[in-house]
């Protein structure tokens, strides 16, 4: 079975679209109010285990 459809994909366009989406997410996070921003590095705080 030949995969002909992969030749029709424009990889430059897909990479550009991915970079645009990442940039739009960063800009959106910077514009959001303080309570609704996302912490990009570090993730959620680890909670202590209950005894």
N, C-alpha and C. Protein backbone atom coordinates (compact mmCIF):
# COMPACT_ATOMS: atom_id res chain seq x y z
N UNK A 1 0.84 -1.18 0.00
CA UNK A 1 0.00 0.00 0.00
C UNK A 1 0.89 1.25 0.00
N UNK A 2 0.75 2.06 -0.99
CA UNK A 2 1.55 3.28 -1.09
C UNK A 2 0.87 4.42 -0.34
N UNK A 3 1.72 5.21 0.30
CA UNK A 3 1.20 6.38 1.01
C UNK A 3 1.47 7.60 0.15
N UNK A 4 0.50 7.93 -0.69
CA UNK A 4 0.65 9.05 -1.61
C UNK A 4 0.30 10.37 -0.93
N UNK A 5 -0.63 10.33 0.03
CA UNK A 5 -1.11 11.56 0.65
C UNK A 5 -0.01 12.30 1.40
N UNK A 6 1.02 11.59 1.86
CA UNK A 6 2.08 12.26 2.63
C UNK A 6 2.89 13.18 1.73
N UNK A 7 2.94 12.92 0.44
CA UNK A 7 3.64 13.80 -0.49
C UNK A 7 2.90 15.11 -0.68
N UNK A 8 1.60 15.11 -0.44
CA UNK A 8 0.79 16.31 -0.64
C UNK A 8 0.84 17.24 0.56
N UNK A 9 1.32 16.77 1.72
CA UNK A 9 1.37 17.61 2.90
C UNK A 9 2.46 18.66 2.74
N UNK A 10 2.15 19.86 3.13
CA UNK A 10 3.13 20.94 3.09
C UNK A 10 3.71 21.07 4.51
N UNK A 11 4.87 20.48 4.73
CA UNK A 11 5.44 20.44 6.07
C UNK A 11 5.86 21.82 6.55
N UNK A 12 6.27 22.71 5.66
CA UNK A 12 6.61 24.07 6.08
C UNK A 12 5.39 24.77 6.65
N UNK A 13 4.25 24.55 6.01
CA UNK A 13 3.01 25.14 6.51
C UNK A 13 2.64 24.56 7.88
N UNK A 14 2.76 23.25 8.06
CA UNK A 14 2.42 22.63 9.34
C UNK A 14 3.34 23.09 10.46
N UNK A 15 4.62 23.23 10.18
CA UNK A 15 5.57 23.72 11.18
C UNK A 15 5.27 25.18 11.52
N UNK A 16 4.99 25.98 10.50
CA UNK A 16 4.64 27.38 10.73
C UNK A 16 3.36 27.52 11.54
N UNK A 17 2.38 26.70 11.24
CA UNK A 17 1.12 26.73 11.99
C UNK A 17 1.34 26.34 13.45
N UNK A 18 2.18 25.35 13.68
CA UNK A 18 2.50 24.92 15.05
C UNK A 18 3.19 26.04 15.82
N UNK A 19 4.16 26.70 15.19
CA UNK A 19 4.86 27.80 15.85
C UNK A 19 3.92 28.97 16.14
N UNK A 20 3.00 29.24 15.21
CA UNK A 20 2.02 30.30 15.43
C UNK A 20 1.12 29.97 16.62
N UNK A 21 0.69 28.71 16.74
CA UNK A 21 -0.18 28.32 17.85
C UNK A 21 0.54 28.44 19.19
N UNK A 22 1.81 28.07 19.22
CA UNK A 22 2.59 28.20 20.45
C UNK A 22 2.74 29.68 20.83
N UNK A 23 3.06 30.51 19.84
CA UNK A 23 3.22 31.94 20.11
C UNK A 23 1.89 32.56 20.57
N UNK A 24 0.79 32.16 19.97
CA UNK A 24 -0.52 32.69 20.37
C UNK A 24 -0.86 32.26 21.80
N UNK A 25 -0.49 31.06 22.19
CA UNK A 25 -0.72 30.60 23.56
C UNK A 25 0.08 31.40 24.57
N UNK A 26 1.32 31.70 24.23
CA UNK A 26 2.16 32.50 25.14
C UNK A 26 1.62 33.91 25.27
N UNK A 27 1.25 34.52 24.16
CA UNK A 27 0.70 35.88 24.20
C UNK A 27 -0.61 35.90 24.97
N UNK A 28 -1.44 34.90 24.78
CA UNK A 28 -2.71 34.82 25.49
C UNK A 28 -2.48 34.69 26.99
N UNK A 29 -1.47 33.92 27.39
CA UNK A 29 -1.17 33.75 28.81
C UNK A 29 -0.65 35.06 29.41
N UNK A 30 0.10 35.82 28.65
CA UNK A 30 0.62 37.09 29.16
C UNK A 30 -0.49 38.13 29.32
N UNK A 31 -1.52 38.05 28.49
CA UNK A 31 -2.61 39.03 28.54
C UNK A 31 -3.67 38.66 29.57
N UNK A 32 -3.70 37.44 30.04
CA UNK A 32 -4.74 36.99 30.97
C UNK A 32 -4.57 37.65 32.34
N UNK A 33 -5.67 37.79 33.08
CA UNK A 33 -5.58 38.33 34.44
C UNK A 33 -4.71 37.42 35.32
N UNK A 34 -4.20 37.97 36.41
CA UNK A 34 -3.24 37.26 37.27
C UNK A 34 -3.79 35.92 37.78
N UNK A 35 -5.05 35.86 38.11
CA UNK A 35 -5.62 34.63 38.65
C UNK A 35 -5.83 33.53 37.62
N UNK A 36 -5.77 33.87 36.35
CA UNK A 36 -6.07 32.89 35.30
C UNK A 36 -4.86 32.53 34.45
N UNK A 37 -3.67 32.96 34.85
CA UNK A 37 -2.48 32.63 34.06
C UNK A 37 -2.02 31.22 34.37
N UNK A 38 -1.24 30.67 33.48
CA UNK A 38 -0.73 29.32 33.61
C UNK A 38 0.75 29.38 33.95
N UNK A 39 1.18 28.51 34.85
CA UNK A 39 2.61 28.44 35.18
C UNK A 39 3.25 27.47 34.19
N UNK A 40 4.12 27.98 33.32
CA UNK A 40 4.66 27.18 32.23
C UNK A 40 5.71 26.20 32.70
N UNK A 41 6.61 26.63 33.58
CA UNK A 41 7.70 25.76 34.01
C UNK A 41 7.50 25.45 35.48
N UNK A 42 7.56 24.18 35.84
CA UNK A 42 7.43 23.79 37.23
C UNK A 42 6.13 23.06 37.52
N UNK A 43 5.09 23.31 36.77
CA UNK A 43 3.84 22.60 36.95
C UNK A 43 3.16 22.92 38.27
N UNK A 44 2.29 22.02 38.67
CA UNK A 44 1.54 22.21 39.91
C UNK A 44 2.42 21.92 41.12
N UNK A 45 2.05 22.57 42.24
CA UNK A 45 2.75 22.29 43.48
C UNK A 45 2.33 20.90 43.98
N UNK A 46 3.28 20.20 44.54
CA UNK A 46 2.99 18.88 45.09
C UNK A 46 2.48 19.06 46.50
N UNK A 47 1.29 18.52 46.75
CA UNK A 47 0.68 18.65 48.07
C UNK A 47 1.20 17.56 49.01
N UNK A 48 1.20 17.90 50.28
CA UNK A 48 1.65 16.92 51.27
C UNK A 48 0.61 15.81 51.41
N UNK A 49 1.10 14.59 51.68
CA UNK A 49 0.17 13.48 51.88
C UNK A 49 -0.45 13.58 53.27
N UNK A 50 -1.77 13.37 53.36
CA UNK A 50 -2.40 13.40 54.69
C UNK A 50 -1.95 12.21 55.52
N UNK A 51 -1.89 12.43 56.83
CA UNK A 51 -1.44 11.35 57.71
C UNK A 51 -2.55 10.41 58.06
